[in-house]
């Protein structure tokens, strides 16, 4: 699996990782097996959150005995993101994950608590060794400016955002901002949310054609397109080992400039929205 520098975190991280939103809805042994299969295939970047129900406990079971292989990420919800609330939320996540540290801890989206307080808590947790880096999620370009001013230069490791072929809003301002400031961009829901382009759609046919020429699947082609820039990472969710293996297969796929152009034309990014979309 391809590994890339993860912002200023000074770590090489798997470009294709594993998301866990709704993974607790799946048959638990199968979900655990899916995550472990991902680790076997080099998908060692695992993302979760306190908001994701029992996902943290599923992850904790999956990484048992393999913690040192994993780049582990979780998130605090904004309502908990006061100075003391952030520390308490992190402690609860660590307990559910059965670990003593997170590799990266994120503020899940902008909220009402001052960023200075949240980031002070992050720095306190980092000084204690309970987190190794921190970042944000669902932050638009103006939010990122505020975060940069509140947190200081070189502190924000990543911005995790909604990004897929049908939702390319981050390309207008967020992705360029992150690249200019050395921050990793992590795509969640890279296949959409139950609306991946089917073979009977014009865009889906483009994916089918390109996939056939590589002996790949349309989802692998879509995922590779989203990773076409070195600052990008993706965390697709899979709740079966077979689905995990399909996601991992995108790691070795390489698309030509002409193929990237075809996909770009088939899924235009559209106008810049007034506000960054999120799920």
C-alpha atoms as a PDB file:
ATOM      1  CA  UNK A   1       0.000   0.000   0.000  1.00  0.00           C
ATOM      2  CA  UNK A   2       1.283   3.452  -0.947  1.00  0.00           C
ATOM      3  CA  UNK A   3       2.269   5.624   1.997  1.00  0.00           C
ATOM      4  CA  UNK A   4       2.445   9.414   2.023  1.00  0.00           C
ATOM      5  CA  UNK A   5       3.609  12.169   4.391  1.00  0.00           C
ATOM      6  CA  UNK A   6       0.673  13.111   6.615  1.00  0.00           C
ATOM      7  CA  UNK A   7       0.872  16.881   6.820  1.00  0.00           C
ATOM      8  CA  UNK A   8       3.324  18.103   9.477  1.00  0.00           C
ATOM      9  CA  UNK A   9       2.793  14.957  11.579  1.00  0.00           C
ATOM     10  CA  UNK A  10       6.163  13.579  10.379  1.00  0.00           C
ATOM     11  CA  UNK A  11       4.595  10.189   9.691  1.00  0.00           C
ATOM     12  CA  UNK A  12       4.207   8.157   6.507  1.00  0.00           C
ATOM     13  CA  UNK A  13       0.564   7.082   6.424  1.00  0.00           C
ATOM     14  CA  UNK A  14      -1.330   4.693   4.133  1.00  0.00           C
ATOM     15  CA  UNK A  15      -3.002   6.644   1.328  1.00  0.00           C
ATOM     16  CA  UNK A  16      -6.018   4.337   1.526  1.00  0.00           C
ATOM     17  CA  UNK A  17      -7.229   3.740   5.034  1.00  0.00           C
ATOM     18  CA  UNK A  18     -10.375   2.435   6.659  1.00  0.00           C
ATOM     19  CA  UNK A  19     -13.401   4.405   7.764  1.00  0.00           C
ATOM     20  CA  UNK A  20     -15.779   3.108  10.421  1.00  0.00           C
ATOM     21  CA  UNK A  21     -18.952   5.205  10.261  1.00  0.00           C
ATOM     22  CA  UNK A  22     -21.898   2.745  10.635  1.00  0.00           C
ATOM     23  CA  UNK A  23     -19.511  -0.204  10.930  1.00  0.00           C
ATOM     24  CA  UNK A  24     -21.234  -1.101  14.191  1.00  0.00           C
ATOM     25  CA  UNK A  25     -24.403  -1.822  12.173  1.00  0.00           C
ATOM     26  CA  UNK A  26     -22.649  -4.800  10.550  1.00  0.00           C
ATOM     27  CA  UNK A  27     -22.272  -8.293  11.993  1.00  0.00           C
ATOM     28  CA  UNK A  28     -19.550  -7.655  14.538  1.00  0.00           C
ATOM     29  CA  UNK A  29     -17.232 -10.599  13.827  1.00  0.00           C
ATOM     30  CA  UNK A  30     -17.422  -9.774  10.109  1.00  0.00           C
ATOM     31  CA  UNK A  31     -16.702  -6.091  10.749  1.00  0.00           C
ATOM     32  CA  UNK A  32     -13.702  -6.992  12.912  1.00  0.00           C
ATOM     33  CA  UNK A  33     -12.474  -9.384  10.235  1.00  0.00           C
ATOM     34  CA  UNK A  34     -12.847  -6.643   7.611  1.00  0.00           C
ATOM     35  CA  UNK A  35     -10.667  -4.248   9.588  1.00  0.00           C
ATOM     36  CA  UNK A  36      -8.061  -6.925  10.241  1.00  0.00           C
ATOM     37  CA  UNK A  37      -8.003  -7.832   6.553  1.00  0.00           C
ATOM     38  CA  UNK A  38      -7.330  -4.191   5.830  1.00  0.00           C
ATOM     39  CA  UNK A  39      -4.360  -4.222   8.179  1.00  0.00           C
ATOM     40  CA  UNK A  40      -3.050  -7.309   6.378  1.00  0.00           C
ATOM     41  CA  UNK A  41      -3.272  -5.383   3.093  1.00  0.00           C
ATOM     42  CA  UNK A  42      -1.470  -2.304   4.418  1.00  0.00           C
ATOM     43  CA  UNK A  43      -4.565  -0.177   5.102  1.00  0.00           C
ATOM     44  CA  UNK A  44      -3.199   0.755   8.504  1.00  0.00           C
ATOM     45  CA  UNK A  45      -4.836   4.212   8.721  1.00  0.00           C
ATOM     46  CA  UNK A  46      -8.037   3.589  10.709  1.00  0.00           C
ATOM     47  CA  UNK A  47     -10.457   6.427  11.366  1.00  0.00           C
ATOM     48  CA  UNK A  48     -13.252   6.476  13.930  1.00  0.00           C
ATOM     49  CA  UNK A  49     -15.050   8.913  16.248  1.00  0.00           C
ATOM     50  CA  UNK A  50     -16.870   9.120  19.542  1.00  0.00           C
ATOM     51  CA  UNK A  51     -20.026   9.995  17.546  1.00  0.00           C
ATOM     52  CA  UNK A  52     -19.957   6.687  15.635  1.00  0.00           C
ATOM     53  CA  UNK A  53     -21.908   4.630  18.152  1.00  0.00           C
ATOM     54  CA  UNK A  54     -19.987   1.460  19.044  1.00  0.00           C
ATOM     55  CA  UNK A  55     -17.446   1.854  16.237  1.00  0.00           C
ATOM     56  CA  UNK A  56     -14.600   2.614  18.635  1.00  0.00           C
ATOM     57  CA  UNK A  57     -15.178  -0.645  20.495  1.00  0.00           C
ATOM     58  CA  UNK A  58     -15.219  -2.555  17.182  1.00  0.00           C
ATOM     59  CA  UNK A  59     -11.920  -0.921  16.238  1.00  0.00           C
ATOM     60  CA  UNK A  60     -10.477  -1.683  19.653  1.00  0.00           C
ATOM     61  CA  UNK A  61     -11.230  -5.356  19.168  1.00  0.00           C
ATOM     62  CA  UNK A  62      -9.854  -5.360  15.610  1.00  0.00           C
ATOM     63  CA  UNK A  63      -6.509  -3.794  16.512  1.00  0.00           C
ATOM     64  CA  UNK A  64      -5.942  -5.930  19.589  1.00  0.00           C
ATOM     65  CA  UNK A  65      -2.366  -7.187  19.504  1.00  0.00           C
ATOM     66  CA  UNK A  66      -1.608  -5.050  16.436  1.00  0.00           C
ATOM     67  CA  UNK A  67      -1.748  -1.507  17.825  1.00  0.00           C
ATOM     68  CA  UNK A  68       1.768  -0.581  16.713  1.00  0.00           C
ATOM     69  CA  UNK A  69       0.838  -1.224  13.066  1.00  0.00           C
ATOM     70  CA  UNK A  70      -1.986   1.292  13.127  1.00  0.00           C
ATOM     71  CA  UNK A  71      -2.227   5.040  12.495  1.00  0.00           C
ATOM     72  CA  UNK A  72      -5.292   5.513  14.698  1.00  0.00           C
ATOM     73  CA  UNK A  73      -7.558   8.548  14.422  1.00  0.00           C
ATOM     74  CA  UNK A  74     -10.620   9.534  16.445  1.00  0.00           C
ATOM     75  CA  UNK A  75     -12.671  12.700  16.872  1.00  0.00           C
ATOM     76  CA  UNK A  76     -14.299  14.790  19.554  1.00  0.00           C
ATOM     77  CA  UNK A  77     -17.779  16.191  18.891  1.00  0.00           C
ATOM     78  CA  UNK A  78     -17.981  19.994  19.131  1.00  0.00           C
ATOM     79  CA  UNK A  79     -20.356  19.914  22.108  1.00  0.00           C
ATOM     80  CA  UNK A  80     -17.621  18.176  24.127  1.00  0.00           C
ATOM     81  CA  UNK A  81     -14.771  20.340  22.832  1.00  0.00           C
ATOM     82  CA  UNK A  82     -14.188  22.637  25.804  1.00  0.00           C
ATOM     83  CA  UNK A  83     -10.758  22.458  27.475  1.00  0.00           C
ATOM     84  CA  UNK A  84     -11.796  19.912  30.070  1.00  0.00           C
ATOM     85  CA  UNK A  85     -14.452  18.291  27.890  1.00  0.00           C
ATOM     86  CA  UNK A  86     -11.935  17.502  25.166  1.00  0.00           C
ATOM     87  CA  UNK A  87      -9.600  15.797  27.608  1.00  0.00           C
ATOM     88  CA  UNK A  88     -12.453  13.775  29.108  1.00  0.00           C
ATOM     89  CA  UNK A  89     -13.737  12.787  25.653  1.00  0.00           C
ATOM     90  CA  UNK A  90     -10.285  11.622  24.632  1.00  0.00           C
ATOM     91  CA  UNK A  91      -9.965   9.512  27.766  1.00  0.00           C
ATOM     92  CA  UNK A  92     -13.286   7.823  26.985  1.00  0.00           C
ATOM     93  CA  UNK A  93     -12.214   7.147  23.393  1.00  0.00           C
ATOM     94  CA  UNK A  94      -8.916   5.660  24.548  1.00  0.00           C
ATOM     95  CA  UNK A  95     -10.790   3.335  26.908  1.00  0.00           C
ATOM     96  CA  UNK A  96     -13.176   2.165  24.192  1.00  0.00           C
ATOM     97  CA  UNK A  97     -10.281   1.670  21.764  1.00  0.00           C
ATOM     98  CA  UNK A  98      -8.228  -0.199  24.404  1.00  0.00           C
ATOM     99  CA  UNK A  99      -5.146   1.884  23.724  1.00  0.00           C
ATOM    100  CA  UNK A 100      -3.024   4.454  25.504  1.00  0.00           C
ATOM    101  CA  UNK A 101      -2.702   6.860  22.573  1.00  0.00           C
ATOM    102  CA  UNK A 102      -4.204   8.215  19.370  1.00  0.00           C
ATOM    103  CA  UNK A 103      -1.972   8.995  16.427  1.00  0.00           C
ATOM    104  CA  UNK A 104      -4.240  11.901  15.508  1.00  0.00           C
ATOM    105  CA  UNK A 105      -7.230  13.495  17.269  1.00  0.00           C
ATOM    106  CA  UNK A 106      -9.692  15.696  15.382  1.00  0.00           C
ATOM    107  CA  UNK A 107     -12.366  18.265  16.137  1.00  0.00           C
ATOM    108  CA  UNK A 108     -15.284  16.731  14.238  1.00  0.00           C
ATOM    109  CA  UNK A 109     -16.686  20.013  12.882  1.00  0.00           C
ATOM    110  CA  UNK A 110     -16.642  23.687  13.888  1.00  0.00           C
ATOM    111  CA  UNK A 111     -18.679  24.326  17.012  1.00  0.00           C
ATOM    112  CA  UNK A 112     -19.407  26.891  19.699  1.00  0.00           C
ATOM    113  CA  UNK A 113     -16.431  26.315  21.998  1.00  0.00           C
ATOM    114  CA  UNK A 114     -13.481  28.612  21.220  1.00  0.00           C
ATOM    115  CA  UNK A 115     -10.910  26.918  19.030  1.00  0.00           C
ATOM    116  CA  UNK A 116      -8.209  28.193  21.371  1.00  0.00           C
ATOM    117  CA  UNK A 117      -9.712  26.093  24.177  1.00  0.00           C
ATOM    118  CA  UNK A 118     -10.033  22.941  22.071  1.00  0.00           C
ATOM    119  CA  UNK A 119      -6.516  23.268  20.721  1.00  0.00           C
ATOM    120  CA  UNK A 120      -5.101  23.981  24.182  1.00  0.00           C
ATOM    121  CA  UNK A 121      -6.644  20.696  25.279  1.00  0.00           C
ATOM    122  CA  UNK A 122      -5.134  18.960  22.243  1.00  0.00           C
ATOM    123  CA  UNK A 123      -1.715  20.314  23.180  1.00  0.00           C
ATOM    124  CA  UNK A 124      -2.187  19.163  26.766  1.00  0.00           C
ATOM    125  CA  UNK A 125      -3.055  15.671  25.525  1.00  0.00           C
ATOM    126  CA  UNK A 126      -0.063  15.697  23.214  1.00  0.00           C
ATOM    127  CA  UNK A 127       2.270  16.708  26.053  1.00  0.00           C
ATOM    128  CA  UNK A 128       0.914  13.743  28.024  1.00  0.00           C
ATOM    129  CA  UNK A 129       1.540  11.364  25.104  1.00  0.00           C
ATOM    130  CA  UNK A 130      -2.143  10.545  24.756  1.00  0.00           C
ATOM    131  CA  UNK A 131      -2.280  11.970  21.223  1.00  0.00           C
ATOM    132  CA  UNK A 132       0.641  12.321  18.819  1.00  0.00           C
ATOM    133  CA  UNK A 133      -0.904  14.934  16.510  1.00  0.00           C
ATOM    134  CA  UNK A 134      -4.195  16.729  15.977  1.00  0.00           C
ATOM    135  CA  UNK A 135      -6.337  18.199  13.245  1.00  0.00           C
ATOM    136  CA  UNK A 136      -9.836  19.168  12.172  1.00  0.00           C
ATOM    137  CA  UNK A 137     -12.733  17.833  10.131  1.00  0.00           C
ATOM    138  CA  UNK A 138     -15.382  19.495   7.953  1.00  0.00           C
ATOM    139  CA  UNK A 139     -13.545  22.832   8.027  1.00  0.00           C
ATOM    140  CA  UNK A 140     -14.110  25.217   5.110  1.00  0.00           C
ATOM    141  CA  UNK A 141     -11.364  27.629   4.026  1.00  0.00           C
ATOM    142  CA  UNK A 142     -12.476  30.454   6.399  1.00  0.00           C
ATOM    143  CA  UNK A 143     -12.672  27.926   9.253  1.00  0.00           C
ATOM    144  CA  UNK A 144      -9.160  26.761   8.411  1.00  0.00           C
ATOM    145  CA  UNK A 145      -7.900  30.351   8.615  1.00  0.00           C
ATOM    146  CA  UNK A 146      -9.436  30.626  12.077  1.00  0.00           C
ATOM    147  CA  UNK A 147      -7.913  27.305  13.100  1.00  0.00           C
ATOM    148  CA  UNK A 148      -4.487  28.297  11.796  1.00  0.00           C
ATOM    149  CA  UNK A 149      -4.622  31.531  13.774  1.00  0.00           C
ATOM    150  CA  UNK A 150      -5.847  29.755  16.907  1.00  0.00           C
ATOM    151  CA  UNK A 151      -3.522  26.774  16.752  1.00  0.00           C
ATOM    152  CA  UNK A 152      -0.356  28.208  15.309  1.00  0.00           C
ATOM    153  CA  UNK A 153       1.780  27.327  12.320  1.00  0.00           C
ATOM    154  CA  UNK A 154       2.596  23.675  11.723  1.00  0.00           C
ATOM    155  CA  UNK A 155       0.157  22.306  14.300  1.00  0.00           C
ATOM    156  CA  UNK A 156      -2.804  21.148  12.169  1.00  0.00           C
ATOM    157  CA  UNK A 157      -2.061  17.715  10.715  1.00  0.00           C
ATOM    158  CA  UNK A 158      -5.122  17.265   8.523  1.00  0.00           C
ATOM    159  CA  UNK A 159      -8.594  18.337   7.498  1.00  0.00           C
ATOM    160  CA  UNK A 160     -11.012  15.439   6.999  1.00  0.00           C
ATOM    161  CA  UNK A 161     -13.765  16.322   4.525  1.00  0.00           C
ATOM    162  CA  UNK A 162     -16.539  14.928   2.346  1.00  0.00           C
ATOM    163  CA  UNK A 163     -15.030  14.143  -1.065  1.00  0.00           C
ATOM    164  CA  UNK A 164     -16.205  11.861  -3.845  1.00  0.00           C
ATOM    165  CA  UNK A 165     -16.902  12.021  -7.582  1.00  0.00           C
ATOM    166  CA  UNK A 166     -20.322  13.571  -7.050  1.00  0.00           C
ATOM    167  CA  UNK A 167     -19.118  16.004  -4.371  1.00  0.00           C
ATOM    168  CA  UNK A 168     -15.955  17.846  -5.342  1.00  0.00           C
ATOM    169  CA  UNK A 169     -16.564  21.127  -3.539  1.00  0.00           C
ATOM    170  CA  UNK A 170     -13.259  20.953  -1.645  1.00  0.00           C
ATOM    171  CA  UNK A 171     -11.345  21.459  -4.892  1.00  0.00           C
ATOM    172  CA  UNK A 172     -12.418  25.120  -5.069  1.00  0.00           C
ATOM    173  CA  UNK A 173     -10.775  26.473  -1.915  1.00  0.00           C
ATOM    174  CA  UNK A 174     -10.258  23.864   0.802  1.00  0.00           C
ATOM    175  CA  UNK A 175      -7.825  21.576  -1.014  1.00  0.00           C
ATOM    176  CA  UNK A 176      -5.674  24.451  -2.348  1.00  0.00           C
ATOM    177  CA  UNK A 177      -5.601  26.010   1.145  1.00  0.00           C
ATOM    178  CA  UNK A 178      -4.515  22.752   2.757  1.00  0.00           C
ATOM    179  CA  UNK A 179      -1.824  22.165   0.148  1.00  0.00           C
ATOM    180  CA  UNK A 180      -0.502  25.708   0.553  1.00  0.00           C
ATOM    181  CA  UNK A 181      -0.204  25.175   4.317  1.00  0.00           C
ATOM    182  CA  UNK A 182       1.196  21.630   4.272  1.00  0.00           C
ATOM    183  CA  UNK A 183      -1.942  20.012   5.698  1.00  0.00           C
ATOM    184  CA  UNK A 184      -3.145  16.557   4.643  1.00  0.00           C
ATOM    185  CA  UNK A 185      -6.653  16.279   3.190  1.00  0.00           C
ATOM    186  CA  UNK A 186      -8.540  13.105   4.103  1.00  0.00           C
ATOM    187  CA  UNK A 187     -11.596  12.132   2.044  1.00  0.00           C
ATOM    188  CA  UNK A 188     -14.474  10.528   3.914  1.00  0.00           C
ATOM    189  CA  UNK A 189     -17.396   8.833   2.109  1.00  0.00           C
ATOM    190  CA  UNK A 190     -15.240   8.551  -1.043  1.00  0.00           C
ATOM    191  CA  UNK A 191     -17.931   6.423  -2.750  1.00  0.00           C
ATOM    192  CA  UNK A 192     -20.774   8.706  -1.714  1.00  0.00           C
ATOM    193  CA  UNK A 193     -23.492   7.636   0.665  1.00  0.00           C
ATOM    194  CA  UNK A 194     -25.390   4.905  -1.158  1.00  0.00           C
ATOM    195  CA  UNK A 195     -25.318   6.752  -4.466  1.00  0.00           C
ATOM    196  CA  UNK A 196     -22.203   5.476  -6.262  1.00  0.00           C
ATOM    197  CA  UNK A 197     -22.632   5.969 -10.051  1.00  0.00           C
ATOM    198  CA  UNK A 198     -24.133   2.850 -11.580  1.00  0.00           C
ATOM    199  CA  UNK A 199     -23.248   1.334 -14.963  1.00  0.00           C
ATOM    200  CA  UNK A 200     -26.413   2.726 -16.552  1.00  0.00           C
ATOM    201  CA  UNK A 201     -25.327   6.315 -15.942  1.00  0.00           C
ATOM    202  CA  UNK A 202     -23.013   8.249 -18.257  1.00  0.00           C
ATOM    203  CA  UNK A 203     -20.411   8.719 -15.536  1.00  0.00           C
ATOM    204  CA  UNK A 204     -20.720   5.136 -14.388  1.00  0.00           C
ATOM    205  CA  UNK A 205     -20.042   3.938 -17.923  1.00  0.00           C
ATOM    206  CA  UNK A 206     -16.828   5.961 -18.021  1.00  0.00           C
ATOM    207  CA  UNK A 207     -15.709   4.252 -14.813  1.00  0.00           C
ATOM    208  CA  UNK A 208     -16.671   0.843 -16.222  1.00  0.00           C
ATOM    209  CA  UNK A 209     -14.691   1.452 -19.425  1.00  0.00           C
ATOM    210  CA  UNK A 210     -11.557   2.584 -17.610  1.00  0.00           C
ATOM    211  CA  UNK A 211     -11.834  -0.229 -15.082  1.00  0.00           C
ATOM    212  CA  UNK A 212     -12.098  -2.839 -17.837  1.00  0.00           C
ATOM    213  CA  UNK A 213      -8.882  -1.603 -19.437  1.00  0.00           C
ATOM    214  CA  UNK A 214      -7.010  -2.114 -16.139  1.00  0.00           C
ATOM    215  CA  UNK A 215      -8.665  -5.296 -14.933  1.00  0.00           C
ATOM    216  CA  UNK A 216      -9.979  -3.222 -12.042  1.00  0.00           C
ATOM    217  CA  UNK A 217     -13.374  -2.314 -10.592  1.00  0.00           C
ATOM    218  CA  UNK A 218     -15.217   1.004 -11.031  1.00  0.00           C
ATOM    219  CA  UNK A 219     -14.840   1.728  -7.319  1.00  0.00           C
ATOM    220  CA  UNK A 220     -11.089   1.221  -7.549  1.00  0.00           C
ATOM    221  CA  UNK A 221     -10.961   3.671 -10.460  1.00  0.00           C
ATOM    222  CA  UNK A 222     -13.013   6.234  -8.523  1.00  0.00           C
ATOM    223  CA  UNK A 223     -10.823   5.884  -5.461  1.00  0.00           C
ATOM    224  CA  UNK A 224      -7.633   6.251  -7.473  1.00  0.00           C
ATOM    225  CA  UNK A 225      -8.968   9.437  -9.074  1.00  0.00           C
ATOM    226  CA  UNK A 226      -9.556  10.942  -5.638  1.00  0.00           C
ATOM    227  CA  UNK A 227      -5.945  10.157  -4.693  1.00  0.00           C
ATOM    228  CA  UNK A 228      -4.428  11.797  -7.763  1.00  0.00           C
ATOM    229  CA  UNK A 229      -2.721  14.515  -5.697  1.00  0.00           C
ATOM    230  CA  UNK A 230      -0.023  13.607  -3.142  1.00  0.00           C
ATOM    231  CA  UNK A 231      -1.687  15.516  -0.297  1.00  0.00           C
ATOM    232  CA  UNK A 232      -4.849  13.389  -0.503  1.00  0.00           C
ATOM    233  CA  UNK A 233      -5.864  10.355   1.563  1.00  0.00           C
ATOM    234  CA  UNK A 234      -9.109   8.372   1.587  1.00  0.00           C
ATOM    235  CA  UNK A 235     -10.858   6.313   4.262  1.00  0.00           C
ATOM    236  CA  UNK A 236     -13.521   4.129   2.604  1.00  0.00           C
ATOM    237  CA  UNK A 237     -15.594   1.986   4.934  1.00  0.00           C
ATOM    238  CA  UNK A 238     -15.984  -1.740   4.362  1.00  0.00           C
ATOM    239  CA  UNK A 239     -17.937  -4.169   6.502  1.00  0.00           C
ATOM    240  CA  UNK A 240     -16.692  -7.377   4.875  1.00  0.00           C
ATOM    241  CA  UNK A 241     -13.169  -8.662   4.142  1.00  0.00           C
ATOM    242  CA  UNK A 242     -14.043  -8.933   0.429  1.00  0.00           C
ATOM    243  CA  UNK A 243     -15.079  -5.293   0.247  1.00  0.00           C
ATOM    244  CA  UNK A 244     -11.915  -4.308   2.107  1.00  0.00           C
ATOM    245  CA  UNK A 245      -9.757  -6.178  -0.403  1.00  0.00           C
ATOM    246  CA  UNK A 246     -11.500  -4.396  -3.279  1.00  0.00           C
ATOM    247  CA  UNK A 247     -10.740  -1.023  -1.702  1.00  0.00           C
ATOM    248  CA  UNK A 248      -7.107  -1.987  -1.155  1.00  0.00           C
ATOM    249  CA  UNK A 249      -6.790  -2.905  -4.831  1.00  0.00           C
ATOM    250  CA  UNK A 250      -6.926   0.766  -5.741  1.00  0.00           C
ATOM    251  CA  UNK A 251      -3.522   1.213  -4.132  1.00  0.00           C
ATOM    252  CA  UNK A 252      -1.681  -0.409  -7.031  1.00  0.00           C
ATOM    253  CA  UNK A 253      -3.828   1.145  -9.767  1.00  0.00           C
ATOM    254  CA  UNK A 254      -2.335   3.927 -11.881  1.00  0.00           C
ATOM    255  CA  UNK A 255      -4.469   6.016 -14.221  1.00  0.00           C
ATOM    256  CA  UNK A 256      -3.175   7.846 -17.269  1.00  0.00           C
ATOM    257  CA  UNK A 257      -3.548  11.595 -17.721  1.00  0.00           C
ATOM    258  CA  UNK A 258      -6.136  10.916 -20.440  1.00  0.00           C
ATOM    259  CA  UNK A 259      -8.143   8.675 -18.093  1.00  0.00           C
ATOM    260  CA  UNK A 260      -8.031  11.264 -15.319  1.00  0.00           C
ATOM    261  CA  UNK A 261      -9.282  13.849 -17.812  1.00  0.00           C
ATOM    262  CA  UNK A 262     -12.187  11.587 -18.843  1.00  0.00           C
ATOM    263  CA  UNK A 263     -13.249  11.143 -15.230  1.00  0.00           C
ATOM    264  CA  UNK A 264     -12.877  14.864 -14.567  1.00  0.00           C
ATOM    265  CA  UNK A 265     -15.150  15.646 -17.514  1.00  0.00           C
ATOM    266  CA  UNK A 266     -17.695  12.992 -16.542  1.00  0.00           C
ATOM    267  CA  UNK A 267     -17.980  14.294 -12.974  1.00  0.00           C
ATOM    268  CA  UNK A 268     -17.531  18.096 -13.149  1.00  0.00           C
ATOM    269  CA  UNK A 269     -16.916  19.730  -9.794  1.00  0.00           C
ATOM    270  CA  UNK A 270     -19.614  22.373 -10.297  1.00  0.00           C
ATOM    271  CA  UNK A 271     -19.705  25.885  -8.834  1.00  0.00           C
ATOM    272  CA  UNK A 272     -18.258  26.714  -5.450  1.00  0.00           C
ATOM    273  CA  UNK A 273     -20.958  26.292  -2.798  1.00  0.00           C
ATOM    274  CA  UNK A 274     -21.699  28.928  -0.207  1.00  0.00           C
ATOM    275  CA  UNK A 275     -20.802  26.482   2.524  1.00  0.00           C
ATOM    276  CA  UNK A 276     -18.728  23.302   2.508  1.00  0.00           C
ATOM    277  CA  UNK A 277     -21.030  20.239   2.377  1.00  0.00           C
ATOM    278  CA  UNK A 278     -20.743  17.617   5.114  1.00  0.00           C
ATOM    279  CA  UNK A 279     -22.564  14.465   6.173  1.00  0.00           C
END
